[in-house]
Protein backbone atom coordinates (compact mmCIF):
# COMPACT_ATOMS: atom_id res chain seq x y z
CA MET A 1 24.24 -28.17 -25.95
CA TYR A 2 22.47 -24.91 -26.84
CA SER A 3 22.92 -22.80 -29.84
CA SER A 4 22.54 -19.48 -26.72
CA VAL A 5 23.40 -17.84 -24.26
CA ARG A 6 19.61 -17.27 -23.54
CA GLU A 7 18.56 -20.40 -23.30
CA ARG A 8 21.05 -21.97 -20.79
CA LEU A 9 20.47 -18.87 -18.65
CA ILE A 10 16.77 -20.23 -18.45
CA HIS A 11 18.56 -23.31 -18.11
CA LEU A 12 20.43 -22.45 -14.76
CA GLN A 13 17.64 -20.85 -13.56
CA HIS A 14 15.13 -23.59 -13.29
CA CYS A 15 18.36 -25.51 -11.73
CA ARG A 16 16.80 -26.52 -8.21
CA GLY A 17 18.54 -24.73 -5.83
CA ALA A 18 20.01 -21.79 -8.08
CA SER A 19 19.81 -18.15 -6.47
CA TRP A 20 20.37 -14.51 -8.26
CA LYS A 21 23.86 -14.89 -6.33
CA THR A 22 24.63 -18.12 -7.30
CA ILE A 23 24.03 -17.29 -11.30
CA HIS A 24 26.20 -14.24 -11.21
CA ARG A 25 29.13 -16.16 -10.07
CA LEU A 26 28.47 -17.93 -13.47
CA PHE A 27 28.07 -14.83 -15.29
CA ARG A 28 32.28 -13.52 -14.31
CA ILE A 29 33.31 -17.27 -14.48
CA ASP A 30 31.43 -17.28 -17.89
CA PRO A 31 29.48 -14.10 -19.42
CA THR A 32 28.09 -16.85 -22.25
CA PHE A 33 27.89 -19.64 -19.04
CA ALA A 34 29.33 -22.14 -22.04
CA SER A 35 31.47 -23.95 -19.61
CA VAL A 36 29.58 -24.20 -16.84
CA PHE A 37 27.84 -27.54 -18.41
CA THR A 38 31.79 -28.93 -19.09
CA LEU A 39 32.87 -28.35 -15.62
CA PRO A 40 34.00 -31.24 -13.63
CA SER A 41 31.71 -31.67 -10.40
CA SER A 42 34.37 -30.72 -8.59
CA VAL A 43 35.51 -27.68 -10.28
CA LEU A 44 31.81 -25.45 -10.62
CA GLN A 45 31.02 -26.41 -7.10
CA THR A 46 34.62 -24.18 -6.05
CA TYR A 47 32.76 -21.13 -8.00
CA ILE A 48 29.43 -21.78 -5.64
CA PRO A 49 29.95 -22.84 -2.54
CA LEU A 50 26.09 -24.22 -2.01
CA PRO A 51 25.19 -25.62 1.15
CA LEU A 52 26.35 -30.10 -0.60
CA GLN A 53 22.08 -31.00 -0.08
CA ARG A 54 21.53 -27.57 -2.49
CA TYR A 55 24.47 -28.52 -5.20
CA SER A 56 23.80 -31.26 -5.46
CA LEU A 57 19.79 -30.52 -7.57
CA PHE A 58 21.44 -27.52 -8.83
CA PHE A 59 24.03 -30.38 -10.49
CA LYS A 60 21.38 -32.77 -11.12
CA ASP A 61 18.91 -30.58 -12.53
CA LEU A 62 22.14 -28.82 -14.86
CA HIS A 63 22.55 -32.46 -16.52
CA SER A 64 19.29 -32.42 -16.87
CA LEU A 65 16.27 -30.25 -17.36
CA HIS A 66 15.59 -30.38 -21.17
CA ILE A 67 15.26 -26.60 -21.29
CA GLN A 68 14.36 -26.56 -25.15
CA SER A 69 11.71 -28.63 -24.12
CA MET A 70 9.84 -26.57 -22.24
CA ILE A 71 10.59 -23.18 -23.83
CA LYS A 72 8.95 -24.82 -26.93
CA THR A 73 6.37 -25.43 -24.01
CA TYR A 74 5.72 -21.55 -22.84
CA LYS A 75 5.68 -20.62 -25.98
CA ASP A 76 2.29 -23.36 -26.90
CA ASN A 77 1.36 -21.28 -24.03
CA HIS A 78 1.99 -17.99 -24.52
CA ILE A 79 5.12 -17.74 -21.62
CA HIS A 80 7.08 -15.06 -23.38
CA THR A 81 10.53 -15.79 -21.52
CA ILE A 82 12.84 -12.24 -21.86
CA THR A 83 15.85 -12.59 -20.07
CA ILE A 84 18.21 -9.71 -19.21
CA PHE A 85 20.69 -10.12 -22.60
CA ASP A 86 17.23 -9.79 -24.81
CA SER A 87 16.04 -6.73 -26.50
CA ASP A 88 12.19 -6.31 -24.78
CA TYR A 89 13.75 -6.67 -21.40
CA PRO A 90 12.35 -3.57 -19.26
CA PRO A 91 14.57 -1.15 -19.66
CA LEU A 92 14.00 1.11 -16.14
CA LEU A 93 14.30 -2.50 -15.12
CA LYS A 94 18.02 -3.57 -15.71
CA HIS A 95 19.73 -0.97 -13.73
CA ILE A 96 18.63 -1.16 -10.43
CA TYR A 97 20.41 -4.04 -7.89
CA GLU A 98 20.01 -7.82 -8.44
CA PRO A 99 17.21 -7.04 -11.91
CA PRO A 100 15.90 -10.48 -12.77
CA TRP A 101 18.09 -12.63 -14.86
CA VAL A 102 14.75 -14.16 -16.42
CA LEU A 103 11.46 -12.82 -17.05
CA TYR A 104 8.24 -14.87 -16.70
CA ALA A 105 5.28 -13.06 -19.04
CA LYS A 106 1.79 -13.21 -20.35
CA GLY A 107 -0.39 -10.80 -22.58
CA ASP A 108 0.97 -8.25 -24.22
CA LEU A 109 4.96 -8.12 -24.41
CA HIS A 110 4.63 -4.49 -26.28
CA LEU A 111 3.69 -2.81 -22.52
CA LEU A 112 7.23 -3.48 -21.17
CA SER A 113 8.20 -1.01 -23.98
CA SER A 114 7.36 1.71 -22.74
CA LEU A 115 9.10 4.07 -20.26
CA LYS A 116 5.42 5.93 -19.16
CA MET A 117 4.99 3.36 -16.30
CA ILE A 118 3.56 4.03 -13.12
CA SER A 119 3.24 1.86 -9.55
CA ILE A 120 0.58 2.03 -6.71
CA VAL A 121 0.90 -0.03 -4.37
CA GLY A 122 -1.06 0.24 -0.59
CA THR A 123 -2.78 -1.84 2.45
CA ARG A 124 -5.65 -4.98 1.74
CA GLN A 125 -7.85 -3.75 3.31
CA PRO A 126 -8.42 -0.22 1.78
CA THR A 127 -11.59 3.11 3.05
CA LYS A 128 -13.27 4.68 1.35
CA GLU A 129 -11.18 7.19 1.19
CA GLY A 130 -8.60 5.24 -0.60
CA ILE A 131 -11.01 3.89 -2.85
CA LYS A 132 -11.60 7.30 -3.39
CA SER A 133 -8.44 8.83 -3.29
CA LEU A 134 -7.97 5.86 -6.61
CA ARG A 135 -10.67 6.77 -9.42
CA ARG A 136 -9.70 10.39 -8.54
CA LEU A 137 -6.29 9.41 -9.55
CA ILE A 138 -6.58 6.51 -11.82
CA PRO A 139 -8.41 7.99 -14.61
CA PRO A 140 -6.47 11.10 -15.17
CA LEU A 141 -3.64 8.67 -15.37
CA VAL A 142 -4.86 6.73 -17.71
CA ALA A 143 -5.57 8.91 -20.31
CA ASP A 144 -3.05 10.54 -19.90
CA GLY A 145 -1.18 7.51 -21.61
CA TRP A 146 0.30 6.02 -18.58
CA ILE A 147 0.61 2.39 -17.82
CA ILE A 148 -1.13 1.39 -14.21
CA VAL A 149 1.68 -1.54 -12.74
CA SER A 150 0.55 -3.71 -9.16
CA GLY A 151 1.40 -6.41 -7.74
CA LEU A 152 -2.66 -8.74 -7.80
CA ALA A 153 -2.49 -8.47 -3.79
CA ALA A 154 -5.64 -8.01 -2.35
CA GLY A 155 -7.48 -3.69 -1.67
CA ILE A 156 -5.55 -0.85 -3.13
CA ASP A 157 -3.34 -3.23 -5.75
CA THR A 158 -6.77 -5.11 -7.78
CA LEU A 159 -8.39 -1.80 -7.24
CA ALA A 160 -5.61 -0.32 -9.19
CA HIS A 161 -6.03 -2.94 -12.10
CA GLU A 162 -9.40 -2.83 -11.85
CA MET A 163 -9.78 0.93 -12.15
CA ALA A 164 -6.87 0.85 -14.95
CA ILE A 165 -9.39 -1.24 -17.28
CA GLN A 166 -12.53 -0.17 -16.72
CA HIS A 167 -11.30 3.79 -18.06
CA GLY A 168 -9.76 1.85 -20.99
CA GLY A 169 -6.01 1.80 -19.63
CA ASN A 170 -3.48 -0.75 -20.13
CA THR A 171 -2.24 -2.12 -16.44
CA ILE A 172 0.86 -4.54 -14.95
CA ALA A 173 0.44 -6.93 -12.39
CA VAL A 174 3.97 -8.42 -10.75
CA ILE A 175 3.75 -11.33 -9.10
CA ALA A 176 5.28 -13.76 -6.51
CA GLY A 177 4.92 -17.03 -7.93
CA GLY A 178 4.47 -18.79 -11.83
CA VAL A 179 1.51 -17.03 -13.81
CA ASN A 180 -0.51 -20.55 -13.95
CA HIS A 181 -0.07 -19.99 -9.60
CA ILE A 182 -1.99 -16.94 -8.70
CA TYR A 183 -2.25 -15.64 -5.07
CA PRO A 184 -4.29 -14.38 -3.83
CA LYS A 185 -7.33 -17.51 -5.87
CA GLN A 186 -9.75 -14.99 -5.97
CA ASN A 187 -7.84 -13.30 -8.60
CA GLN A 188 -7.69 -15.46 -10.56
CA GLN A 189 -10.21 -13.70 -13.37
CA LEU A 190 -8.50 -10.57 -13.33
CA ALA A 191 -5.80 -12.23 -13.49
CA ASN A 192 -7.04 -14.12 -16.63
CA GLN A 193 -7.89 -11.05 -17.94
CA LEU A 194 -5.05 -9.25 -17.59
CA MET A 195 -2.90 -11.60 -18.91
CA ASP A 196 -5.35 -11.32 -22.58
CA GLY A 197 -4.86 -7.84 -23.52
CA HIS A 198 -2.66 -6.84 -20.32
CA LEU A 199 0.35 -8.23 -18.68
CA VAL A 200 0.91 -10.72 -15.82
CA LEU A 201 4.78 -10.77 -14.63
CA SER A 202 7.19 -13.45 -13.02
CA GLU A 203 10.63 -13.94 -12.27
CA TYR A 204 9.27 -16.96 -11.94
CA PRO A 205 8.46 -19.87 -13.54
CA SER A 206 5.12 -21.27 -13.99
CA HIS A 207 5.56 -24.27 -12.36
CA VAL A 208 7.16 -21.84 -8.92
CA ARG A 209 4.24 -21.80 -6.12
CA PRO A 210 4.30 -17.84 -4.89
CA GLN A 211 6.50 -18.53 -1.40
CA LYS A 212 5.88 -15.54 1.61
CA TRP A 213 9.53 -14.67 1.19
CA HIS A 214 8.93 -14.36 -2.39
CA PHE A 215 7.35 -11.39 -1.88
CA PRO A 216 9.11 -8.30 -0.96
CA LEU A 217 11.36 -10.03 -4.09
CA ARG A 218 8.50 -9.64 -5.57
CA ASN A 219 8.43 -5.84 -4.81
CA ARG A 220 12.24 -4.64 -6.26
CA ILE A 221 10.22 -5.33 -9.61
CA ILE A 222 7.50 -3.25 -9.08
CA SER A 223 9.02 0.16 -8.20
CA GLY A 224 12.07 -1.10 -10.92
CA ILE A 225 9.85 -1.15 -13.98
CA SER A 226 8.51 2.32 -12.73
CA LEU A 227 9.57 5.63 -13.19
CA GLY A 228 7.80 6.51 -9.74
CA THR A 229 5.48 4.32 -6.78
CA VAL A 230 2.64 5.85 -5.96
CA VAL A 231 1.36 5.25 -1.78
CA VAL A 232 -2.34 5.09 -1.26
CA GLN A 233 -3.35 4.04 2.26
CA ALA A 234 -0.54 1.71 4.41
CA LYS A 235 -0.57 1.04 7.64
CA GLU A 236 2.81 1.34 9.42
CA LYS A 237 4.40 -2.14 9.04
CA SER A 238 3.61 -2.49 5.17
CA GLY A 239 5.30 -4.17 1.52
CA SER A 240 4.01 -1.13 -0.25
CA LEU A 241 6.44 0.79 2.57
CA ILE A 242 8.51 -1.99 1.25
CA THR A 243 8.73 -0.80 -2.37
CA ALA A 244 8.66 2.44 -1.50
CA SER A 245 12.00 2.33 0.23
CA LEU A 246 13.14 -0.02 -2.97
CA ALA A 247 12.10 2.89 -5.49
CA LEU A 248 14.16 4.83 -2.84
CA GLU A 249 16.83 3.10 -3.69
CA GLN A 250 16.56 2.21 -7.10
CA GLY A 251 16.92 6.76 -7.63
CA ARG A 252 12.70 6.54 -8.59
CA GLU A 253 10.21 9.33 -7.29
CA VAL A 254 8.35 8.09 -4.60
CA PHE A 255 4.85 9.57 -4.42
CA ALA A 256 2.05 9.22 -1.25
CA VAL A 257 -1.32 10.09 -0.47
CA PRO A 258 -2.28 11.52 2.51
CA GLY A 259 -4.88 10.62 4.71
CA PRO A 260 -6.64 11.44 8.10
CA ILE A 261 -4.30 11.04 11.19
CA PHE A 262 -6.90 9.15 13.19
CA LEU A 263 -6.30 6.48 10.63
CA GLU A 264 -3.74 3.12 10.41
CA GLN A 265 -4.28 2.67 6.25
CA SER A 266 -2.40 6.41 6.57
CA LYS A 267 -0.22 5.48 9.40
CA GLY A 268 2.25 4.40 6.45
CA PRO A 269 2.12 6.95 3.76
CA ASN A 270 1.65 10.19 6.24
CA MET A 271 5.03 8.61 7.10
CA LEU A 272 6.46 9.05 4.13
CA ILE A 273 5.70 12.39 3.31
CA GLN A 274 7.34 13.25 6.51
CA GLN A 275 10.11 11.49 5.11
CA GLY A 276 9.77 13.64 1.70
CA ALA A 277 8.16 11.52 -0.43
CA LYS A 278 6.17 13.63 -2.94
CA LEU A 279 2.13 14.87 -1.04
CA VAL A 280 -0.89 13.84 -3.71
CA HIS A 281 -3.85 15.88 -4.57
CA SER A 282 -4.56 14.43 -8.21
CA ALA A 283 -3.36 12.66 -10.24
CA ASN A 284 -1.57 16.18 -11.82
CA ASP A 285 0.71 16.03 -9.43
CA ILE A 286 2.87 13.00 -10.70
CA VAL A 287 2.37 13.95 -14.10
CA GLU A 288 4.01 17.38 -13.71
CA GLU A 289 7.31 15.18 -12.10
CA PHE A 290 7.65 14.04 -14.88
CA SER A 291 6.66 16.89 -17.91
CA CYS A 292 10.44 17.93 -17.84
CA PHE A 293 11.70 14.43 -18.79
CA PHE A 294 8.81 13.27 -21.45
CA ALA A 295 9.29 16.72 -23.18
CA LYS A 296 13.35 15.32 -23.44
CA GLN A 297 12.14 12.74 -25.71
């Protein structure tokens, strides 16, 4: 049916009802996924114990989707499909817990081959101090060749992308829906700019709208493609702290910019510092953490 394992994997990832664990179970049965398309429904169902309605959707899509046509449409629209089996899959991302089976990217794919990536995340409501912190950190980082990774959210994320571009650097936005569904909508123009010379990255096919539960999953990619994560202003319960926690689980460095104790936006970074994150006063505090790593390259 398909000439390559990557086409089979992309097909499986498009099937409704399929989760990361669904595909993992099928991978354990057959790493080429070839037999998945020939197994009788009753047999396949024993391998992937999904609720009946979900399984019915999955099995229907398994035998009705025209993935080769979809892949051609992606190419025609300059959307790259990258599977975990491909050489251009981000090297660090392969080693995280539940790495995405397939990535969809629009823009400069060469950026993914760099190891010199740092994620910068933070509140959607930055103060003047938070903006000043970004202005102090980002220009020297991009001058040193660091690619700025963030999530295209309002606030710190948006500013991080914009400042990287303004200072002649490169930046990657990891989003929680397909590349045809930018969120928030007011960042569509910025996303277009990123797709033309930088990169927008997602684990979801282009038609998928962002869902609330996509955002925490997206965060594991932000931290997973980066050597470290910098938190610049975040409230005590914040998605940025989820990203920092994931970075720790992935064995990556976590940095935090301290702030005044009376600011809500300082509670997250200050708490991270209490827990052992590296306190950041300047870009050099970040760069020096990786000096030995790059000296060996």
